[in-house]
Protein backbone atom coordinates (compact mmCIF):
# COMPACT_ATOMS: atom_id res chain seq x y z
CA MET A 1 0.05 -0.09 -0.03
CA PRO A 2 1.51 3.43 -0.99
CA ARG A 3 2.25 5.71 1.94
CA PHE A 4 -0.01 8.65 1.93
CA ALA A 5 1.12 11.96 3.75
CA THR A 6 -0.83 15.02 4.44
CA THR A 7 0.83 18.25 5.53
CA LEU A 8 -0.28 20.02 8.77
CA PHE A 9 0.98 23.12 10.29
CA ARG A 10 1.58 23.69 13.94
CA ARG A 11 3.14 26.68 15.65
CA GLY A 12 4.64 27.84 12.19
CA ARG A 13 6.49 24.56 11.72
CA GLU A 14 5.67 22.12 8.92
CA GLN A 15 5.09 18.34 10.09
CA ARG A 16 4.05 15.35 8.32
CA PHE A 17 1.51 12.92 9.27
CA GLY A 18 1.39 9.57 7.08
CA LEU A 19 -1.54 7.18 6.73
CA ASP A 20 0.63 4.56 8.25
CA ASP A 21 0.73 6.56 11.44
CA TRP A 22 -2.97 6.99 11.02
CA LEU A 23 -3.85 3.37 10.85
CA LYS A 24 -1.69 2.68 13.93
CA ALA A 25 -3.60 5.37 15.95
CA LYS A 26 -5.82 4.53 18.91
CA ALA A 27 -9.56 3.77 18.40
CA GLY A 28 -11.36 6.99 18.35
CA ALA A 29 -8.61 9.50 17.99
CA PHE A 30 -4.91 10.05 16.57
CA THR A 31 -2.18 12.08 18.27
CA PHE A 32 0.10 14.38 16.11
CA GLY A 33 2.20 17.25 17.17
CA GLY A 34 1.33 16.83 20.75
CA SER A 35 -2.47 17.21 20.29
CA THR A 36 -5.17 14.60 20.04
CA TYR A 37 -7.61 14.64 17.08
CA PRO A 38 -10.91 12.68 17.32
CA TYR A 39 -11.78 10.45 14.42
CA PRO A 40 -14.98 8.58 13.59
CA VAL A 41 -14.37 4.87 14.24
CA LEU A 42 -16.31 1.82 12.56
CA GLY A 43 -18.50 4.15 10.73
CA VAL A 44 -20.00 5.80 13.72
CA PRO A 45 -18.87 9.55 14.35
CA SER A 46 -17.49 10.47 17.66
CA ARG A 47 -19.11 13.49 19.64
CA ASP A 48 -16.12 15.52 18.41
CA ALA A 49 -16.59 14.78 14.67
CA GLU A 50 -18.94 16.73 12.32
CA SER A 51 -20.16 14.14 9.66
CA ILE A 52 -22.52 14.71 6.91
CA GLU A 53 -26.20 13.99 7.91
CA HIS A 54 -27.06 10.57 6.75
CA ASP A 55 -29.91 11.63 4.49
CA TYR A 56 -28.20 12.16 1.18
CA ARG A 57 -29.40 8.83 -0.28
CA GLY A 58 -32.82 9.62 1.24
CA TYR A 59 -33.04 12.97 -0.59
CA ILE A 60 -31.96 11.39 -3.79
CA TYR A 61 -34.62 8.78 -3.99
CA GLY A 62 -37.08 10.40 -1.61
CA ALA A 63 -37.09 13.76 -3.24
CA PHE A 64 -35.11 14.26 -6.36
CA LYS A 65 -36.01 11.08 -8.23
CA SER A 66 -39.60 10.73 -6.79
CA SER A 67 -40.94 14.31 -6.55
CA ALA A 68 -41.64 16.26 -9.78
CA VAL A 69 -41.56 19.55 -7.95
CA VAL A 70 -38.25 18.98 -6.35
CA PHE A 71 -36.84 17.75 -9.80
CA ALA A 72 -38.14 20.84 -11.53
CA VAL A 73 -36.76 23.26 -8.97
CA MET A 74 -33.36 21.66 -8.94
CA LEU A 75 -33.36 21.51 -12.74
CA ALA A 76 -34.06 25.23 -12.94
CA ARG A 77 -31.13 25.97 -10.58
CA LEU A 78 -28.82 23.74 -12.34
CA LEU A 79 -29.57 25.21 -15.75
CA LEU A 80 -28.81 28.64 -14.70
CA PHE A 81 -25.96 27.82 -12.39
CA THR A 82 -23.95 25.91 -15.07
CA GLU A 83 -24.02 28.86 -17.56
CA ALA A 84 -21.33 30.93 -15.70
CA ARG A 85 -17.78 30.98 -16.36
CA PHE A 86 -14.80 31.60 -13.96
CA VAL A 87 -12.41 34.52 -14.40
CA PHE A 88 -9.99 36.45 -12.47
CA GLN A 89 -10.93 39.99 -11.44
CA ARG A 90 -8.29 42.51 -10.61
CA LEU A 91 -8.74 44.66 -7.34
CA GLU A 92 -7.54 48.16 -7.46
CA ARG A 93 -7.64 50.17 -4.14
CA GLY A 94 -10.05 47.80 -2.70
CA ARG A 95 -12.45 47.90 -5.75
CA PRO A 96 -13.00 45.42 -8.36
CA THR A 97 -11.99 46.44 -11.85
CA GLU A 98 -11.33 44.39 -15.18
CA LEU A 99 -11.87 40.68 -15.77
CA PHE A 100 -9.07 38.61 -17.04
CA GLY A 101 -8.07 34.89 -17.49
CA THR A 102 -4.73 33.14 -17.40
CA GLN A 103 -3.68 29.35 -17.76
CA GLU A 104 -4.31 28.82 -14.08
CA LEU A 105 -8.02 28.66 -14.90
CA ALA A 106 -7.61 25.40 -17.03
CA ILE A 107 -8.24 23.38 -13.93
CA LEU A 108 -11.87 24.97 -13.76
CA GLU A 109 -12.40 24.78 -17.65
CA ASN A 110 -11.51 21.19 -17.77
CA PRO A 111 -11.82 19.78 -14.24
CA TRP A 112 -11.65 16.05 -15.37
CA PRO A 113 -11.29 14.27 -18.85
CA GLY A 114 -14.27 15.30 -20.89
CA GLY A 115 -15.52 17.54 -18.26
CA THR A 116 -16.30 21.29 -18.61
CA THR A 117 -17.04 24.13 -16.23
CA GLY A 118 -20.81 23.37 -16.65
CA ASP A 119 -20.12 20.03 -15.61
CA LEU A 120 -18.26 20.99 -12.48
CA LEU A 121 -20.95 23.38 -11.56
CA ALA A 122 -23.79 20.86 -12.09
CA ARG A 123 -22.11 18.50 -9.61
CA MET A 124 -21.51 21.37 -7.20
CA GLU A 125 -25.33 22.40 -7.41
CA GLN A 126 -26.54 18.77 -6.99
CA ASP A 127 -24.52 17.95 -4.04
CA VAL A 128 -25.22 21.11 -2.33
CA SER A 129 -28.94 20.77 -2.85
CA LEU A 130 -29.11 17.07 -1.71
CA SER A 131 -26.66 17.38 1.18
CA GLY A 132 -25.67 20.92 1.75
CA ASN A 133 -22.04 20.18 1.03
CA PHE A 134 -19.76 19.80 -1.99
CA TYR A 135 -16.19 18.41 -1.49
CA ALA A 136 -13.50 17.94 -4.12
CA VAL A 137 -9.76 17.69 -4.09
CA ARG A 138 -7.00 18.51 -6.85
CA THR A 139 -4.89 15.73 -7.97
CA GLY A 140 -2.45 17.07 -10.53
CA ASP A 141 -4.36 18.84 -13.35
CA ARG A 142 -7.57 17.47 -12.57
CA LEU A 143 -10.35 17.73 -9.78
CA ARG A 144 -11.91 14.71 -8.13
CA ARG A 145 -15.14 15.03 -6.51
CA LEU A 146 -15.82 13.33 -3.13
CA ARG A 147 -19.20 12.06 -2.36
CA PRO A 148 -20.55 14.24 0.56
CA ASP A 149 -21.99 11.38 2.46
CA TRP A 150 -18.56 9.43 2.42
CA VAL A 151 -16.75 12.50 3.95
CA GLN A 152 -16.07 13.09 7.47
CA ILE A 153 -14.94 16.51 8.86
CA ILE A 154 -12.13 16.01 11.63
CA LEU A 155 -11.98 18.78 14.30
CA THR A 156 -9.29 19.90 16.62
CA ALA A 157 -11.54 19.93 19.55
CA PRO A 158 -15.38 19.25 20.44
CA PRO A 159 -17.79 21.14 18.49
CA GLU A 160 -19.07 22.79 21.46
CA GLU A 161 -15.66 24.59 22.05
CA ALA A 162 -16.43 27.15 19.28
CA VAL A 163 -13.72 29.42 20.40
CA THR A 164 -10.92 27.06 19.80
CA VAL A 165 -12.33 24.51 17.47
CA ASP A 166 -10.84 24.27 13.87
CA ILE A 167 -10.73 21.88 11.00
CA ALA A 168 -7.79 19.36 11.50
CA GLY A 169 -8.55 17.72 8.06
CA TYR A 170 -11.17 15.58 5.95
CA ALA A 171 -11.36 11.81 6.06
CA TYR A 172 -12.74 10.25 2.84
CA ALA A 173 -13.81 6.62 2.70
CA PRO A 174 -15.23 5.16 -0.70
CA GLY A 175 -18.33 3.55 0.01
CA GLY A 176 -18.72 5.19 3.19
CA ASN A 177 -17.07 2.29 4.95
CA PHE A 178 -14.76 3.50 7.67
CA ASN A 179 -14.25 -0.27 8.84
CA ASP A 180 -11.85 -0.72 6.06
CA GLN A 181 -9.22 1.67 7.17
CA THR A 182 -6.86 0.72 4.43
CA ARG A 183 -9.18 2.53 1.95
CA VAL A 184 -9.44 5.93 4.05
CA ARG A 185 -7.83 8.79 2.71
CA VAL A 186 -7.05 11.85 4.83
CA TYR A 187 -6.59 15.36 3.41
CA ALA A 188 -5.49 18.59 4.95
CA PRO A 189 -7.75 21.61 4.99
CA ASP A 190 -5.93 23.41 2.31
CA GLU A 191 -6.21 20.46 -0.04
CA VAL A 192 -10.04 20.31 -0.11
CA VAL A 193 -12.70 22.28 -1.83
CA HIS A 194 -15.50 22.45 0.71
CA TRP A 195 -18.56 24.52 -0.53
CA ALA A 196 -21.37 24.93 2.08
CA PRO A 197 -23.27 28.04 0.93
CA ILE A 198 -26.07 27.48 3.64
CA PRO A 199 -24.33 27.04 7.07
CA ASP A 200 -26.08 24.49 9.29
CA PRO A 201 -26.90 26.30 12.43
CA ASP A 202 -26.13 23.14 14.43
CA ALA A 203 -22.71 22.77 13.14
CA MET A 204 -19.48 24.96 12.77
CA TYR A 205 -18.51 23.96 9.33
CA ARG A 206 -21.12 21.84 7.69
CA GLY A 207 -23.73 22.95 5.43
CA MET A 208 -27.38 22.22 5.25
CA SER A 209 -29.57 21.23 2.34
CA TRP A 210 -32.36 23.52 1.22
CA LEU A 211 -34.63 20.66 1.28
CA THR A 212 -34.55 20.12 5.00
CA PRO A 213 -37.01 22.71 6.05
CA VAL A 214 -39.63 21.71 3.41
CA ILE A 215 -39.16 17.86 3.70
CA ARG A 216 -42.85 17.72 5.00
CA GLU A 217 -44.08 19.74 2.07
CA VAL A 218 -42.35 17.04 -0.25
CA MET A 219 -43.88 14.19 1.59
CA ALA A 220 -47.29 15.88 1.51
CA ASP A 221 -46.90 16.58 -2.30
CA LYS A 222 -46.07 13.03 -3.01
CA ALA A 223 -49.08 11.79 -0.71
CA ALA A 224 -51.25 14.06 -2.69
CA THR A 225 -49.94 12.66 -6.16
CA GLU A 226 -50.49 9.18 -4.73
CA HIS A 227 -53.92 10.07 -3.85
CA LYS A 228 -54.89 11.27 -7.37
CA ALA A 229 -53.29 8.12 -8.77
CA ARG A 230 -55.40 6.01 -6.47
CA PHE A 231 -58.39 8.00 -7.48
CA PHE A 232 -57.99 7.25 -11.14
CA ALA A 233 -56.94 3.70 -10.42
CA ASN A 234 -60.45 3.12 -8.73
CA ALA A 235 -62.34 4.14 -11.78
CA ALA A 236 -62.12 7.88 -11.10
CA THR A 237 -65.10 7.69 -8.86
CA PRO A 238 -65.64 8.52 -5.14
CA THR A 239 -65.28 5.98 -2.40
CA PHE A 240 -68.39 3.70 -1.87
CA ALA A 241 -69.83 1.68 1.13
CA VAL A 242 -71.94 -1.18 0.13
CA THR A 243 -74.15 -2.69 2.86
CA PHE A 244 -76.36 -5.89 2.49
CA GLY A 245 -79.15 -7.41 4.43
CA GLU A 246 -78.79 -9.90 6.97
CA HIS A 247 -79.78 -12.81 4.58
CA VAL A 248 -76.35 -12.50 2.87
CA ASP A 249 -73.90 -15.14 3.97
CA GLU A 250 -70.15 -14.81 3.89
CA ALA A 251 -69.68 -16.81 0.72
CA GLN A 252 -72.14 -14.55 -1.16
CA PHE A 253 -70.65 -11.45 0.26
CA ARG A 254 -67.23 -12.41 -0.85
CA GLU A 255 -68.39 -13.31 -4.26
CA PHE A 256 -70.27 -9.91 -4.72
CA VAL A 257 -66.97 -7.91 -3.66
CA GLU A 258 -65.00 -9.82 -6.12
CA GLU A 259 -67.26 -9.29 -8.88
CA PHE A 260 -67.88 -5.65 -7.86
CA ARG A 261 -64.13 -4.95 -7.99
CA ARG A 262 -63.70 -6.72 -11.21
CA GLN A 263 -66.42 -4.66 -13.03
CA HIS A 264 -65.94 -1.35 -11.35
CA THR A 265 -62.36 -0.58 -10.55
CA GLY A 266 -59.73 0.79 -12.82
CA THR A 267 -59.89 3.76 -15.25
CA GLU A 268 -61.19 1.55 -18.00
CA ASN A 269 -64.38 1.08 -15.93
CA ALA A 270 -64.82 4.72 -15.11
CA TYR A 271 -68.28 6.20 -15.17
CA LYS A 272 -70.14 2.73 -15.57
CA THR A 273 -73.53 2.49 -14.30
CA LEU A 274 -73.98 0.50 -11.01
CA PHE A 275 -76.58 -2.35 -10.90
CA LEU A 276 -77.09 -3.86 -7.47
CA ALA A 277 -79.07 -6.83 -6.39
CA GLY A 278 -81.96 -6.55 -3.88
CA GLY A 279 -80.90 -5.96 -0.40
CA ALA A 280 -77.66 -4.03 -1.36
CA ASP A 281 -77.49 -0.39 -0.61
CA ILE A 282 -74.68 2.04 -1.61
CA THR A 283 -73.33 5.21 -0.04
CA VAL A 284 -70.78 7.70 -1.25
CA LEU A 285 -68.25 8.40 1.21
CA GLY A 286 -65.65 10.36 -0.60
CA SER A 287 -65.52 13.50 -2.81
CA ASP A 288 -64.07 14.10 -6.28
CA LEU A 289 -61.09 15.99 -7.11
CA LYS A 290 -62.85 19.21 -7.78
CA GLN A 291 -64.57 19.08 -4.26
CA LEU A 292 -61.25 18.56 -2.63
CA ASP A 293 -59.64 21.34 -4.70
CA PHE A 294 -56.41 19.48 -5.29
CA LYS A 295 -55.07 22.42 -7.38
CA LEU A 296 -55.28 24.87 -4.33
CA THR A 297 -53.93 22.15 -1.89
CA GLN A 298 -50.91 21.02 -3.99
CA GLY A 299 -50.23 24.54 -5.37
CA ALA A 300 -49.52 25.99 -1.84
CA GLY A 301 -47.05 23.30 -1.17
CA GLU A 302 -45.35 23.61 -4.54
CA THR A 303 -44.93 27.38 -3.94
CA ARG A 304 -43.28 26.76 -0.46
CA ILE A 305 -40.73 24.13 -2.00
CA ALA A 306 -39.88 26.74 -4.91
CA ALA A 307 -39.46 29.33 -2.27
CA ALA A 308 -36.94 27.30 -0.26
CA GLY A 309 -35.10 26.49 -3.52
CA GLY A 310 -34.80 30.18 -4.28
CA VAL A 311 -36.67 29.71 -7.64
CA PRO A 312 -39.85 31.81 -8.30
CA PRO A 313 -42.74 29.61 -9.09
CA ILE A 314 -43.23 31.42 -12.37
CA ILE A 315 -39.82 30.26 -13.58
CA VAL A 316 -40.47 26.70 -12.66
CA GLY A 317 -43.92 26.66 -14.38
CA LEU A 318 -45.91 25.73 -11.17
CA SER A 319 -49.52 26.42 -11.08
CA GLU A 320 -49.55 29.36 -8.75
CA GLY A 321 -46.89 31.02 -10.62
CA LEU A 322 -48.59 30.53 -14.00
CA ALA A 323 -51.83 32.04 -12.57
CA SER A 324 -49.85 35.45 -12.44
CA ALA A 325 -47.88 34.84 -15.62
CA THR A 326 -47.34 38.11 -17.46
CA TYR A 327 -44.33 39.27 -19.43
CA SER A 328 -43.72 41.93 -16.67
CA ASN A 329 -44.06 39.45 -13.87
CA TYR A 330 -41.72 36.98 -15.56
CA GLY A 331 -39.19 39.86 -16.00
CA MET A 332 -39.18 40.54 -12.27
CA ALA A 333 -38.93 36.95 -11.35
CA ARG A 334 -36.01 36.46 -13.62
CA ARG A 335 -34.02 39.43 -12.05
CA LYS A 336 -35.03 38.16 -8.56
CA PHE A 337 -33.64 34.64 -9.50
CA GLY A 338 -30.49 36.22 -10.89
CA ASP A 339 -29.94 38.76 -8.24
CA HIS A 340 -31.11 36.97 -5.04
CA TRP A 341 -29.80 33.35 -5.80
CA ALA A 342 -27.62 32.92 -8.76
CA ARG A 343 -25.14 35.66 -8.27
CA PRO A 344 -24.63 35.02 -4.50
CA MET A 345 -24.09 31.41 -5.18
CA TRP A 346 -21.51 32.07 -7.99
CA ARG A 347 -19.69 34.43 -5.66
CA SER A 348 -19.53 31.81 -2.86
CA ALA A 349 -18.59 28.95 -5.24
CA ALA A 350 -15.70 31.13 -6.65
CA ALA A 351 -14.43 31.66 -3.06
CA ALA A 352 -14.61 27.89 -2.33
CA LEU A 353 -12.62 26.88 -5.77
CA SER A 354 -9.89 29.36 -5.08
CA GLN A 355 -8.52 26.96 -2.70
CA VAL A 356 -7.18 24.82 -5.59
CA VAL A 357 -6.36 27.66 -7.94
CA ASN A 358 -3.41 30.05 -7.95
CA VAL A 359 -5.00 33.33 -7.80
CA PRO A 360 -2.67 36.15 -9.17
CA PRO A 361 -1.56 38.78 -6.51
CA GLY A 362 -3.94 41.63 -6.41
CA ALA A 363 -6.75 39.60 -7.97
CA ARG A 364 -9.61 37.38 -6.77
CA LEU A 365 -11.38 34.26 -8.54
CA TRP A 366 -14.74 35.48 -9.79
CA TYR A 367 -17.44 34.63 -12.22
CA ASP A 368 -18.29 35.99 -15.70
CA ASP A 369 -22.19 36.15 -16.30
CA ARG A 370 -22.10 38.48 -19.28
CA ASP A 371 -22.92 36.04 -21.89
CA ILE A 372 -25.80 34.48 -20.20
CA SER A 373 -28.99 35.51 -22.06
CA PHE A 374 -31.35 34.55 -19.13
CA LEU A 375 -29.76 37.36 -17.27
CA ARG A 376 -29.83 39.83 -19.86
CA GLU A 377 -32.04 42.88 -19.23
CA ASP A 378 -34.83 43.86 -21.78
CA LEU A 379 -33.42 45.57 -25.01
CA GLY A 380 -35.38 48.75 -23.93
CA ASP A 381 -33.77 48.83 -20.51
CA ALA A 382 -30.21 48.04 -21.94
CA ALA A 383 -30.59 50.87 -24.62
CA GLN A 384 -31.53 53.22 -21.88
CA ILE A 385 -28.65 52.23 -19.58
CA MET A 386 -26.26 52.62 -22.56
CA ALA A 387 -27.65 56.04 -23.43
CA THR A 388 -27.30 57.29 -19.85
CA ARG A 389 -23.66 55.95 -19.51
CA SER A 390 -22.71 57.46 -22.68
CA GLY A 391 -24.05 60.83 -21.78
CA ALA A 392 -22.23 60.60 -18.45
CA ILE A 393 -18.93 59.81 -20.20
CA ARG A 394 -19.56 62.91 -22.82
CA THR A 395 -20.11 65.13 -20.11
CA LEU A 396 -16.98 64.08 -18.11
CA VAL A 397 -14.77 64.45 -21.32
CA ASP A 398 -16.52 67.92 -21.97
CA ALA A 399 -15.37 68.77 -18.44
CA GLY A 400 -11.67 68.15 -19.19
CA PHE A 401 -11.23 64.54 -17.89
CA THR A 402 -9.54 62.02 -20.04
CA ALA A 403 -11.59 59.71 -22.01
CA ASP A 404 -10.11 56.52 -20.69
CA SER A 405 -10.45 57.59 -17.00
CA ALA A 406 -14.06 58.70 -17.71
CA VAL A 407 -15.02 55.24 -19.24
CA ALA A 408 -13.28 53.48 -16.14
CA ALA A 409 -15.20 55.85 -13.71
CA VAL A 410 -18.58 55.05 -15.20
CA GLU A 411 -18.12 51.40 -15.55
CA GLY A 412 -16.84 51.09 -12.16
CA ASP A 413 -19.16 53.53 -10.49
CA ASP A 414 -16.16 55.14 -9.05
CA LEU A 415 -15.54 58.89 -9.53
CA THR A 416 -12.13 58.71 -7.83
CA LEU A 417 -10.79 56.91 -11.02
CA LEU A 418 -11.18 60.11 -12.92
CA GLN A 419 -8.08 61.86 -14.20
CA HIS A 420 -8.15 65.45 -15.51
CA SER A 421 -6.26 66.61 -18.48
CA GLY A 422 -5.66 70.14 -17.29
CA LEU A 423 -7.76 71.63 -20.23
CA PHE A 424 -11.07 73.30 -19.80
CA SER A 425 -13.82 74.62 -21.86
CA VAL A 426 -13.61 77.87 -23.67
CA GLN A 427 -16.35 79.20 -21.40
CA LEU A 428 -14.27 78.61 -18.45
CA GLN A 429 -11.23 80.79 -19.60
CA GLN A 430 -10.63 83.96 -18.00
CA PRO A 431 -10.51 87.30 -20.01
CA GLY A 432 -6.76 88.09 -20.87
CA THR A 433 -5.50 84.42 -20.83
CA SER A 434 -2.98 83.10 -23.26
CA ALA A 435 -5.59 81.72 -25.46
CA ALA A 436 -7.33 85.12 -25.90
CA THR A 437 -4.07 87.11 -26.34
CA ASP A 438 -3.03 84.80 -29.00
CA ASP A 439 -6.25 85.27 -30.83
CA ARG A 440 -5.92 89.17 -30.68
CA ASP A 441 -2.37 89.01 -31.99
CA ASP A 442 -3.54 86.76 -34.93
CA ASP A 443 -6.28 89.48 -35.64
CA GLN A 444 -3.77 92.33 -35.68
CA ALA A 445 -1.42 90.49 -37.89
CA GLU A 446 -4.09 89.91 -40.59
CA SER A 447 -5.09 93.71 -40.44
CA ALA A 448 -1.32 94.63 -40.93
CA GLU A 449 -1.05 92.33 -44.09
CA GLY A 450 -4.24 93.92 -45.31
């Protein structure tokens, strides 16, 4: 087995701790540099370890793959989130300026063989939605995603000691089986991309899925869908109660029930006329879908699920959103989706990914959303903004500021970037200045020649 080593820093000195040392550690903890670090043993996290909640598979199969509403909301998030590109942004005097790219961005443009930035962002969004956390490590010129429910966060102290607690490292066990310690890999904090945009209030470093607060809504929506399916499976009719007189014996009763189900259940038997023998009486117990008002019942739950996911219902195409679907409402919903969800998420993702990218000095890893058609403003608004900016630049240039500095000030919304040329408009020249004297001398010379 190859020796795996990870670098940890303590009191300014670099020390190395190998996997061989790890495997020889005592159950529940290992000692390094004079300090003891807790570790989850036999797949059971100790009280000092923050582990991902064991609901990742439950959210996959119980929500994403079985709830149309959850799938639609996550798909809307994914389609927008994967459209961005990563770039570097230069910082001057504490303010962001131009965007630029270098070869260092190649790891994000091709994170793995055949992968693109969109593929990376898709995995990041899915893992965060289903578990609240995304993990990845860089190995050479590629990124490797770590399945979130197979990762354990190792802390330097019990979580309740928030003043001194810190991350000592990340343990990854393929398959989630920490019993086989020969397959456990340990990474230092600076080796792992850990993206958790929604912090879990019950943990220091772990994230929380947006599905957690609305899991009851998801269950209720699935129950309502199942109710509708059963309604149609039972001939799309209400529930009946059939009673008989005392002269019907058990054999006759069972025969009647079997024949009734054969002739009057299933959508192929919908709306057939019921013919009952003497002594049988039928009573309607249930209501139809119209009386139950399923559209109102499910619509409210769908809206709450969409709200938790940060997606306006009109974007997803849910019933309550379509009820108010107009061009102006869609435009406002689109801007809210971009401003209140997409851009904060891109900003947070860029900060997490900067862990494995060599960011140039005086710059930061950022995102470029200029080519995303979904976020483009209406043509009228874009033309009005362009006209306003052009007018501002013209005014500044007429006032004597250099053209380049005027453009930079307007684009950066920072008037401190303006640089004056030292030239002023004619209306600002005082009488008797050199310009006025030169004009007078020219007039006198022309008169003498005449």
